């Protein structure tokens, strides 16, 4: 980075002046809908439920059995925006917000498909998966052909690095797919690095207690607006713009210098 030097004549005796300021401007990008998603049914472990209209979370002890869900987002567009705004490599991800909507969200409500458990408040967990090579599949309870993900795929999904992003509370929001439940994801090093690389990012959802029964819309459920989103927030790398002034023989030397920390 270039240093600019300008000289001004001043009275002798001035020795050194240093003024520093740090500019921090945030920038966000919202990824509308996942690139792939599926729910995994413990009661039907060999079947694929990708490209379905919904995603589910429930514990093994629930009436219809365990439901986990897996989502994949692609962050290439977010990275492109941040590179354009700040320059490639000159920014850091400082926030990741997941927003989910649902058309079944009333406490105790039985969803229209009897496959699912009735809606119930509770806690669920989200993990980041380093494994991104899973296939969504065609859904509708078909066999998990051609590598399509199923409950029996869980060991494969977790064959790479698995990092916990936290435990979250689900409170049924009512039947309104225009209302989003927002969840801030932990800035886990693996997740942040994965997202900043501009490729696919996989998230795994599971019950964190024996109460939760959550249904939320997948990318395949069409309401005319995004069903689920991932908002990525970035901040420029910390930099200090420093103004140095030194006296040399009655001549004041001013230098602006930008330094990365």
C-alpha atoms as a PDB file:
ATOM      1  CA  UNK A   1       0.000   0.000   0.000  1.00  0.00           C
ATOM      2  CA  UNK A   2       1.383   3.417  -0.965  1.00  0.00           C
ATOM      3  CA  UNK A   3       2.512   5.930   1.630  1.00  0.00           C
ATOM      4  CA  UNK A   4       1.854   9.581   0.795  1.00  0.00           C
ATOM      5  CA  UNK A   5       4.277  12.216   2.109  1.00  0.00           C
ATOM      6  CA  UNK A   6       3.516  15.934   2.168  1.00  0.00           C
ATOM      7  CA  UNK A   7       5.690  18.633   3.794  1.00  0.00           C
ATOM      8  CA  UNK A   8       4.675  21.861   5.519  1.00  0.00           C
ATOM      9  CA  UNK A   9       6.982  24.489   7.173  1.00  0.00           C
ATOM     10  CA  UNK A  10       6.185  25.130  10.822  1.00  0.00           C
ATOM     11  CA  UNK A  11       7.872  26.585  13.866  1.00  0.00           C
ATOM     12  CA  UNK A  12      10.792  24.575  15.266  1.00  0.00           C
ATOM     13  CA  UNK A  13      10.288  22.522  18.377  1.00  0.00           C
ATOM     14  CA  UNK A  14       7.333  20.297  17.384  1.00  0.00           C
ATOM     15  CA  UNK A  15       8.414  16.688  17.772  1.00  0.00           C
ATOM     16  CA  UNK A  16       5.680  14.113  17.002  1.00  0.00           C
ATOM     17  CA  UNK A  17       1.937  13.973  16.493  1.00  0.00           C
ATOM     18  CA  UNK A  18      -0.025  10.766  15.917  1.00  0.00           C
ATOM     19  CA  UNK A  19      -3.727  10.643  15.161  1.00  0.00           C
ATOM     20  CA  UNK A  20      -5.429   7.280  14.523  1.00  0.00           C
ATOM     21  CA  UNK A  21      -8.917   6.383  13.396  1.00  0.00           C
ATOM     22  CA  UNK A  22     -10.492   3.043  12.534  1.00  0.00           C
ATOM     23  CA  UNK A  23     -13.349   2.818  10.083  1.00  0.00           C
ATOM     24  CA  UNK A  24     -15.700  -0.176  10.436  1.00  0.00           C
ATOM     25  CA  UNK A  25     -18.602  -0.376   7.965  1.00  0.00           C
ATOM     26  CA  UNK A  26     -20.790  -3.474   7.949  1.00  0.00           C
ATOM     27  CA  UNK A  27     -22.245  -5.038   4.829  1.00  0.00           C
ATOM     28  CA  UNK A  28     -24.911  -7.760   4.586  1.00  0.00           C
ATOM     29  CA  UNK A  29     -26.080 -10.181   1.922  1.00  0.00           C
ATOM     30  CA  UNK A  30     -29.167 -12.394   2.185  1.00  0.00           C
ATOM     31  CA  UNK A  31     -29.174 -15.757   0.431  1.00  0.00           C
ATOM     32  CA  UNK A  32     -32.775 -16.489  -0.534  1.00  0.00           C
ATOM     33  CA  UNK A  33     -33.536 -20.179  -0.096  1.00  0.00           C
ATOM     34  CA  UNK A  34     -31.193 -23.112   0.182  1.00  0.00           C
ATOM     35  CA  UNK A  35     -29.686 -24.892  -2.818  1.00  0.00           C
ATOM     36  CA  UNK A  36     -30.703 -28.281  -1.384  1.00  0.00           C
ATOM     37  CA  UNK A  37     -32.630 -29.550   1.642  1.00  0.00           C
ATOM     38  CA  UNK A  38     -34.308 -32.686   2.958  1.00  0.00           C
ATOM     39  CA  UNK A  39     -35.808 -34.107   6.120  1.00  0.00           C
ATOM     40  CA  UNK A  40     -34.708 -37.486   7.453  1.00  0.00           C
ATOM     41  CA  UNK A  41     -37.305 -39.829   8.949  1.00  0.00           C
ATOM     42  CA  UNK A  42     -36.210 -42.322  11.584  1.00  0.00           C
ATOM     43  CA  UNK A  43     -39.393 -44.333  10.995  1.00  0.00           C
ATOM     44  CA  UNK A  44     -38.514 -44.623   7.284  1.00  0.00           C
ATOM     45  CA  UNK A  45     -34.721 -44.755   7.312  1.00  0.00           C
ATOM     46  CA  UNK A  46     -34.219 -45.946   3.722  1.00  0.00           C
ATOM     47  CA  UNK A  47     -36.512 -43.365   2.104  1.00  0.00           C
ATOM     48  CA  UNK A  48     -35.564 -40.008   0.647  1.00  0.00           C
ATOM     49  CA  UNK A  49     -37.569 -36.865   1.441  1.00  0.00           C
ATOM     50  CA  UNK A  50     -35.655 -34.293  -0.531  1.00  0.00           C
ATOM     51  CA  UNK A  51     -37.454 -31.724  -2.710  1.00  0.00           C
ATOM     52  CA  UNK A  52     -40.379 -31.943  -0.278  1.00  0.00           C
ATOM     53  CA  UNK A  53     -42.323 -28.871   0.771  1.00  0.00           C
ATOM     54  CA  UNK A  54     -41.316 -29.027   4.395  1.00  0.00           C
ATOM     55  CA  UNK A  55     -38.514 -29.831   6.823  1.00  0.00           C
ATOM     56  CA  UNK A  56     -38.995 -31.367  10.261  1.00  0.00           C
ATOM     57  CA  UNK A  57     -37.297 -31.756  13.642  1.00  0.00           C
ATOM     58  CA  UNK A  58     -38.481 -34.168  16.349  1.00  0.00           C
ATOM     59  CA  UNK A  59     -36.894 -36.554  18.904  1.00  0.00           C
ATOM     60  CA  UNK A  60     -36.867 -40.337  18.645  1.00  0.00           C
ATOM     61  CA  UNK A  61     -39.331 -40.550  21.544  1.00  0.00           C
ATOM     62  CA  UNK A  62     -42.088 -38.681  19.652  1.00  0.00           C
ATOM     63  CA  UNK A  63     -45.182 -40.505  18.377  1.00  0.00           C
ATOM     64  CA  UNK A  64     -44.078 -40.540  14.718  1.00  0.00           C
ATOM     65  CA  UNK A  65     -40.410 -41.033  15.496  1.00  0.00           C
ATOM     66  CA  UNK A  66     -37.282 -38.981  14.982  1.00  0.00           C
ATOM     67  CA  UNK A  67     -36.950 -36.289  12.331  1.00  0.00           C
ATOM     68  CA  UNK A  68     -33.713 -34.516  11.462  1.00  0.00           C
ATOM     69  CA  UNK A  69     -33.167 -32.103   8.587  1.00  0.00           C
ATOM     70  CA  UNK A  70     -30.231 -31.057   6.443  1.00  0.00           C
ATOM     71  CA  UNK A  71     -29.833 -27.835   4.436  1.00  0.00           C
ATOM     72  CA  UNK A  72     -27.222 -26.534   2.032  1.00  0.00           C
ATOM     73  CA  UNK A  73     -26.607 -22.878   1.159  1.00  0.00           C
ATOM     74  CA  UNK A  74     -24.198 -21.527  -1.446  1.00  0.00           C
ATOM     75  CA  UNK A  75     -22.365 -18.364  -0.388  1.00  0.00           C
ATOM     76  CA  UNK A  76     -20.740 -17.455  -3.737  1.00  0.00           C
ATOM     77  CA  UNK A  77     -22.954 -14.382  -4.314  1.00  0.00           C
ATOM     78  CA  UNK A  78     -22.323 -13.057  -0.798  1.00  0.00           C
ATOM     79  CA  UNK A  79     -18.558 -13.445  -1.190  1.00  0.00           C
ATOM     80  CA  UNK A  80     -18.681 -11.704  -4.578  1.00  0.00           C
ATOM     81  CA  UNK A  81     -20.482  -8.721  -3.042  1.00  0.00           C
ATOM     82  CA  UNK A  82     -18.028  -8.440  -0.152  1.00  0.00           C
ATOM     83  CA  UNK A  83     -15.043  -8.686  -2.508  1.00  0.00           C
ATOM     84  CA  UNK A  84     -16.514  -5.924  -4.657  1.00  0.00           C
ATOM     85  CA  UNK A  85     -17.172  -3.719  -1.632  1.00  0.00           C
ATOM     86  CA  UNK A  86     -13.938  -4.234   0.304  1.00  0.00           C
ATOM     87  CA  UNK A  87     -11.539  -5.986  -2.033  1.00  0.00           C
ATOM     88  CA  UNK A  88     -10.753  -9.696  -2.088  1.00  0.00           C
ATOM     89  CA  UNK A  89      -9.574 -10.929   1.298  1.00  0.00           C
ATOM     90  CA  UNK A  90     -10.096  -7.575   3.008  1.00  0.00           C
ATOM     91  CA  UNK A  91     -13.177  -8.552   5.021  1.00  0.00           C
ATOM     92  CA  UNK A  92     -14.283 -10.898   7.782  1.00  0.00           C
ATOM     93  CA  UNK A  93     -17.656 -12.573   8.392  1.00  0.00           C
ATOM     94  CA  UNK A  94     -19.094 -11.177  11.625  1.00  0.00           C
ATOM     95  CA  UNK A  95     -22.653 -12.513  11.564  1.00  0.00           C
ATOM     96  CA  UNK A  96     -24.786 -15.357  10.191  1.00  0.00           C
ATOM     97  CA  UNK A  97     -28.563 -15.257  10.624  1.00  0.00           C
ATOM     98  CA  UNK A  98     -30.877 -18.095   9.648  1.00  0.00           C
ATOM     99  CA  UNK A  99     -34.556 -17.199   9.042  1.00  0.00           C
ATOM    100  CA  UNK A 100     -37.251 -19.902   8.811  1.00  0.00           C
ATOM    101  CA  UNK A 101     -40.961 -19.699   7.957  1.00  0.00           C
ATOM    102  CA  UNK A 102     -43.796 -22.188   8.373  1.00  0.00           C
ATOM    103  CA  UNK A 103     -47.391 -22.797   7.343  1.00  0.00           C
ATOM    104  CA  UNK A 104     -47.838 -25.152  10.329  1.00  0.00           C
ATOM    105  CA  UNK A 105     -47.002 -23.313  13.522  1.00  0.00           C
ATOM    106  CA  UNK A 106     -49.781 -23.604  16.090  1.00  0.00           C
ATOM    107  CA  UNK A 107     -49.053 -25.389  19.379  1.00  0.00           C
ATOM    108  CA  UNK A 108     -50.612 -28.864  19.308  1.00  0.00           C
ATOM    109  CA  UNK A 109     -51.626 -28.650  15.650  1.00  0.00           C
ATOM    110  CA  UNK A 110     -51.478 -31.844  13.574  1.00  0.00           C
ATOM    111  CA  UNK A 111     -49.957 -31.131  10.137  1.00  0.00           C
ATOM    112  CA  UNK A 112     -51.948 -32.147   7.082  1.00  0.00           C
ATOM    113  CA  UNK A 113     -49.599 -35.045   6.382  1.00  0.00           C
ATOM    114  CA  UNK A 114     -49.995 -37.750   9.044  1.00  0.00           C
ATOM    115  CA  UNK A 115     -46.314 -38.611   8.621  1.00  0.00           C
ATOM    116  CA  UNK A 116     -45.390 -35.738  10.935  1.00  0.00           C
ATOM    117  CA  UNK A 117     -45.723 -35.234  14.672  1.00  0.00           C
ATOM    118  CA  UNK A 118     -48.032 -32.532  16.034  1.00  0.00           C
ATOM    119  CA  UNK A 119     -46.439 -29.124  16.569  1.00  0.00           C
ATOM    120  CA  UNK A 120     -44.766 -28.579  19.934  1.00  0.00           C
ATOM    121  CA  UNK A 121     -42.421 -26.022  21.448  1.00  0.00           C
ATOM    122  CA  UNK A 122     -38.963 -27.101  22.533  1.00  0.00           C
ATOM    123  CA  UNK A 123     -35.258 -26.941  21.762  1.00  0.00           C
ATOM    124  CA  UNK A 124     -33.277 -27.977  18.718  1.00  0.00           C
ATOM    125  CA  UNK A 125     -29.631 -27.975  17.765  1.00  0.00           C
ATOM    126  CA  UNK A 126     -27.796 -26.972  14.609  1.00  0.00           C
ATOM    127  CA  UNK A 127     -24.454 -28.429  13.511  1.00  0.00           C
ATOM    128  CA  UNK A 128     -22.123 -27.324  10.747  1.00  0.00           C
ATOM    129  CA  UNK A 129     -21.028 -30.190   8.495  1.00  0.00           C
ATOM    130  CA  UNK A 130     -17.838 -30.099   6.463  1.00  0.00           C
ATOM    131  CA  UNK A 131     -19.331 -32.827   4.240  1.00  0.00           C
ATOM    132  CA  UNK A 132     -21.187 -31.214   1.306  1.00  0.00           C
ATOM    133  CA  UNK A 133     -21.434 -34.104  -1.155  1.00  0.00           C
ATOM    134  CA  UNK A 134     -24.927 -35.228  -0.220  1.00  0.00           C
ATOM    135  CA  UNK A 135     -27.738 -35.329  -2.780  1.00  0.00           C
ATOM    136  CA  UNK A 136     -31.165 -33.809  -2.121  1.00  0.00           C
ATOM    137  CA  UNK A 137     -33.085 -36.393  -4.144  1.00  0.00           C
ATOM    138  CA  UNK A 138     -36.580 -36.280  -5.614  1.00  0.00           C
ATOM    139  CA  UNK A 139     -38.544 -36.708  -2.397  1.00  0.00           C
ATOM    140  CA  UNK A 140     -42.093 -38.043  -1.981  1.00  0.00           C
ATOM    141  CA  UNK A 141     -40.842 -40.937   0.104  1.00  0.00           C
ATOM    142  CA  UNK A 142     -39.004 -42.652  -2.733  1.00  0.00           C
ATOM    143  CA  UNK A 143     -36.130 -45.001  -2.117  1.00  0.00           C
ATOM    144  CA  UNK A 144     -32.821 -43.246  -1.609  1.00  0.00           C
ATOM    145  CA  UNK A 145     -31.514 -43.978  -5.100  1.00  0.00           C
ATOM    146  CA  UNK A 146     -28.497 -42.405  -6.802  1.00  0.00           C
ATOM    147  CA  UNK A 147     -26.987 -41.275  -3.542  1.00  0.00           C
ATOM    148  CA  UNK A 148     -30.082 -39.352  -2.372  1.00  0.00           C
ATOM    149  CA  UNK A 149     -29.929 -38.527   1.331  1.00  0.00           C
ATOM    150  CA  UNK A 150     -31.945 -40.529   3.888  1.00  0.00           C
ATOM    151  CA  UNK A 151     -31.930 -41.236   7.619  1.00  0.00           C
ATOM    152  CA  UNK A 152     -29.449 -44.024   6.903  1.00  0.00           C
ATOM    153  CA  UNK A 153     -27.097 -41.379   5.471  1.00  0.00           C
ATOM    154  CA  UNK A 154     -26.506 -39.698   8.820  1.00  0.00           C
ATOM    155  CA  UNK A 155     -23.195 -41.469   9.399  1.00  0.00           C
ATOM    156  CA  UNK A 156     -22.010 -40.298   5.976  1.00  0.00           C
ATOM    157  CA  UNK A 157     -23.213 -36.748   6.572  1.00  0.00           C
ATOM    158  CA  UNK A 158     -21.170 -36.717   9.780  1.00  0.00           C
ATOM    159  CA  UNK A 159     -18.125 -38.447   8.309  1.00  0.00           C
ATOM    160  CA  UNK A 160     -16.216 -35.162   8.141  1.00  0.00           C
ATOM    161  CA  UNK A 161     -15.897 -32.400  10.703  1.00  0.00           C
ATOM    162  CA  UNK A 162     -19.046 -31.705  12.733  1.00  0.00           C
ATOM    163  CA  UNK A 163     -19.183 -28.529  14.837  1.00  0.00           C
ATOM    164  CA  UNK A 164     -22.053 -27.511  17.095  1.00  0.00           C
ATOM    165  CA  UNK A 165     -23.466 -24.064  16.313  1.00  0.00           C
ATOM    166  CA  UNK A 166     -25.649 -23.971  19.403  1.00  0.00           C
ATOM    167  CA  UNK A 167     -29.022 -24.929  20.836  1.00  0.00           C
ATOM    168  CA  UNK A 168     -32.068 -22.864  19.923  1.00  0.00           C
ATOM    169  CA  UNK A 169     -35.602 -22.445  21.217  1.00  0.00           C
ATOM    170  CA  UNK A 170     -38.577 -23.143  18.967  1.00  0.00           C
ATOM    171  CA  UNK A 171     -41.765 -21.311  19.881  1.00  0.00           C
ATOM    172  CA  UNK A 172     -44.640 -21.991  17.441  1.00  0.00           C
ATOM    173  CA  UNK A 173     -45.266 -18.663  15.619  1.00  0.00           C
ATOM    174  CA  UNK A 174     -48.709 -19.479  14.213  1.00  0.00           C
ATOM    175  CA  UNK A 175     -49.676 -20.475  10.689  1.00  0.00           C
ATOM    176  CA  UNK A 176     -48.116 -17.600   8.819  1.00  0.00           C
ATOM    177  CA  UNK A 177     -45.406 -18.233   6.257  1.00  0.00           C
ATOM    178  CA  UNK A 178     -44.740 -14.486   6.074  1.00  0.00           C
ATOM    179  CA  UNK A 179     -43.426 -14.586   9.645  1.00  0.00           C
ATOM    180  CA  UNK A 180     -39.828 -15.677  10.099  1.00  0.00           C
ATOM    181  CA  UNK A 181     -38.182 -17.135  13.168  1.00  0.00           C
ATOM    182  CA  UNK A 182     -34.621 -15.810  13.277  1.00  0.00           C
ATOM    183  CA  UNK A 183     -31.653 -17.704  14.679  1.00  0.00           C
ATOM    184  CA  UNK A 184     -28.138 -16.254  14.991  1.00  0.00           C
ATOM    185  CA  UNK A 185     -25.582 -18.953  14.294  1.00  0.00           C
ATOM    186  CA  UNK A 186     -22.426 -19.275  16.344  1.00  0.00           C
ATOM    187  CA  UNK A 187     -19.379 -17.944  14.502  1.00  0.00           C
ATOM    188  CA  UNK A 188     -17.678 -21.322  14.570  1.00  0.00           C
ATOM    189  CA  UNK A 189     -14.283 -21.255  12.837  1.00  0.00           C
ATOM    190  CA  UNK A 190     -15.189 -24.090  10.468  1.00  0.00           C
ATOM    191  CA  UNK A 191     -18.495 -22.530   9.478  1.00  0.00           C
ATOM    192  CA  UNK A 192     -16.995 -19.059   8.961  1.00  0.00           C
ATOM    193  CA  UNK A 193     -14.124 -20.423   6.883  1.00  0.00           C
ATOM    194  CA  UNK A 194     -16.525 -22.510   4.801  1.00  0.00           C
ATOM    195  CA  UNK A 195     -18.868 -19.582   4.190  1.00  0.00           C
ATOM    196  CA  UNK A 196     -16.018 -17.201   3.342  1.00  0.00           C
ATOM    197  CA  UNK A 197     -14.728 -19.627   0.701  1.00  0.00           C
ATOM    198  CA  UNK A 198     -17.807 -18.944  -1.439  1.00  0.00           C
ATOM    199  CA  UNK A 199     -18.976 -22.534  -1.880  1.00  0.00           C
ATOM    200  CA  UNK A 200     -21.559 -24.836  -0.313  1.00  0.00           C
ATOM    201  CA  UNK A 201     -22.300 -24.741   3.411  1.00  0.00           C
ATOM    202  CA  UNK A 202     -24.214 -27.626   5.027  1.00  0.00           C
ATOM    203  CA  UNK A 203     -26.270 -27.352   8.230  1.00  0.00           C
ATOM    204  CA  UNK A 204     -27.758 -30.248  10.206  1.00  0.00           C
ATOM    205  CA  UNK A 205     -30.845 -29.842  12.449  1.00  0.00           C
ATOM    206  CA  UNK A 206     -31.850 -32.200  15.273  1.00  0.00           C
ATOM    207  CA  UNK A 207     -33.969 -32.295  18.441  1.00  0.00           C
ATOM    208  CA  UNK A 208     -32.178 -31.056  21.565  1.00  0.00           C
ATOM    209  CA  UNK A 209     -34.889 -32.199  24.012  1.00  0.00           C
ATOM    210  CA  UNK A 210     -37.797 -34.672  24.088  1.00  0.00           C
ATOM    211  CA  UNK A 211     -40.422 -31.972  23.500  1.00  0.00           C
ATOM    212  CA  UNK A 212     -39.702 -30.172  20.256  1.00  0.00           C
ATOM    213  CA  UNK A 213     -41.692 -30.887  17.104  1.00  0.00           C
ATOM    214  CA  UNK A 214     -40.902 -28.244  14.533  1.00  0.00           C
ATOM    215  CA  UNK A 215     -42.080 -28.013  10.935  1.00  0.00           C
ATOM    216  CA  UNK A 216     -40.676 -25.314   8.654  1.00  0.00           C
ATOM    217  CA  UNK A 217     -40.932 -24.668   4.937  1.00  0.00           C
ATOM    218  CA  UNK A 218     -38.300 -25.932   2.541  1.00  0.00           C
ATOM    219  CA  UNK A 219     -37.134 -24.188  -0.613  1.00  0.00           C
ATOM    220  CA  UNK A 220     -39.608 -26.307  -2.591  1.00  0.00           C
ATOM    221  CA  UNK A 221     -42.644 -24.833  -0.821  1.00  0.00           C
ATOM    222  CA  UNK A 222     -43.699 -21.885  -2.967  1.00  0.00           C
ATOM    223  CA  UNK A 223     -45.431 -18.880  -1.402  1.00  0.00           C
ATOM    224  CA  UNK A 224     -44.060 -16.159  -3.662  1.00  0.00           C
ATOM    225  CA  UNK A 225     -41.283 -15.192  -1.258  1.00  0.00           C
ATOM    226  CA  UNK A 226     -38.181 -16.924   0.145  1.00  0.00           C
ATOM    227  CA  UNK A 227     -39.119 -19.741   2.524  1.00  0.00           C
ATOM    228  CA  UNK A 228     -35.804 -19.760   4.367  1.00  0.00           C
ATOM    229  CA  UNK A 229     -32.834 -17.451   4.159  1.00  0.00           C
ATOM    230  CA  UNK A 230     -29.269 -17.128   5.378  1.00  0.00           C
ATOM    231  CA  UNK A 231     -28.064 -13.568   5.947  1.00  0.00           C
ATOM    232  CA  UNK A 232     -24.292 -13.107   5.975  1.00  0.00           C
ATOM    233  CA  UNK A 233     -22.757 -10.022   7.573  1.00  0.00           C
ATOM    234  CA  UNK A 234     -19.209  -8.912   6.849  1.00  0.00           C
ATOM    235  CA  UNK A 235     -16.951  -6.172   8.189  1.00  0.00           C
ATOM    236  CA  UNK A 236     -13.734  -4.893   6.613  1.00  0.00           C
ATOM    237  CA  UNK A 237     -10.508  -6.132   8.110  1.00  0.00           C
ATOM    238  CA  UNK A 238      -9.493  -3.840  10.995  1.00  0.00           C
ATOM    239  CA  UNK A 239      -7.264  -1.100   9.593  1.00  0.00           C
ATOM    240  CA  UNK A 240      -5.798   1.982  11.199  1.00  0.00           C
ATOM    241  CA  UNK A 241      -5.369   5.180   9.245  1.00  0.00           C
ATOM    242  CA  UNK A 242      -2.526   6.902  11.055  1.00  0.00           C
ATOM    243  CA  UNK A 243      -1.432  10.477  10.593  1.00  0.00           C
ATOM    244  CA  UNK A 244       2.167  10.984  11.641  1.00  0.00           C
ATOM    245  CA  UNK A 245       3.680  14.433  11.933  1.00  0.00           C
ATOM    246  CA  UNK A 246       7.327  14.929  12.791  1.00  0.00           C
ATOM    247  CA  UNK A 247       9.497  18.025  12.883  1.00  0.00           C
ATOM    248  CA  UNK A 248      12.792  17.933  11.113  1.00  0.00           C
ATOM    249  CA  UNK A 249      14.767  21.193  11.097  1.00  0.00           C
ATOM    250  CA  UNK A 250      11.656  23.330  11.292  1.00  0.00           C
ATOM    251  CA  UNK A 251       9.897  21.387   8.509  1.00  0.00           C
ATOM    252  CA  UNK A 252       6.784  19.390   9.470  1.00  0.00           C
ATOM    253  CA  UNK A 253       6.504  16.062   7.684  1.00  0.00           C
ATOM    254  CA  UNK A 254       2.996  14.595   7.388  1.00  0.00           C
ATOM    255  CA  UNK A 255       2.531  10.940   6.485  1.00  0.00           C
ATOM    256  CA  UNK A 256      -0.754   8.983   6.146  1.00  0.00           C
ATOM    257  CA  UNK A 257      -0.234   5.299   6.665  1.00  0.00           C
ATOM    258  CA  UNK A 258      -2.753   2.426   6.585  1.00  0.00           C
ATOM    259  CA  UNK A 259      -1.837  -0.627   8.596  1.00  0.00           C
ATOM    260  CA  UNK A 260      -3.678  -3.946   8.878  1.00  0.00           C
ATOM    261  CA  UNK A 261      -3.824  -5.490  12.319  1.00  0.00           C
END
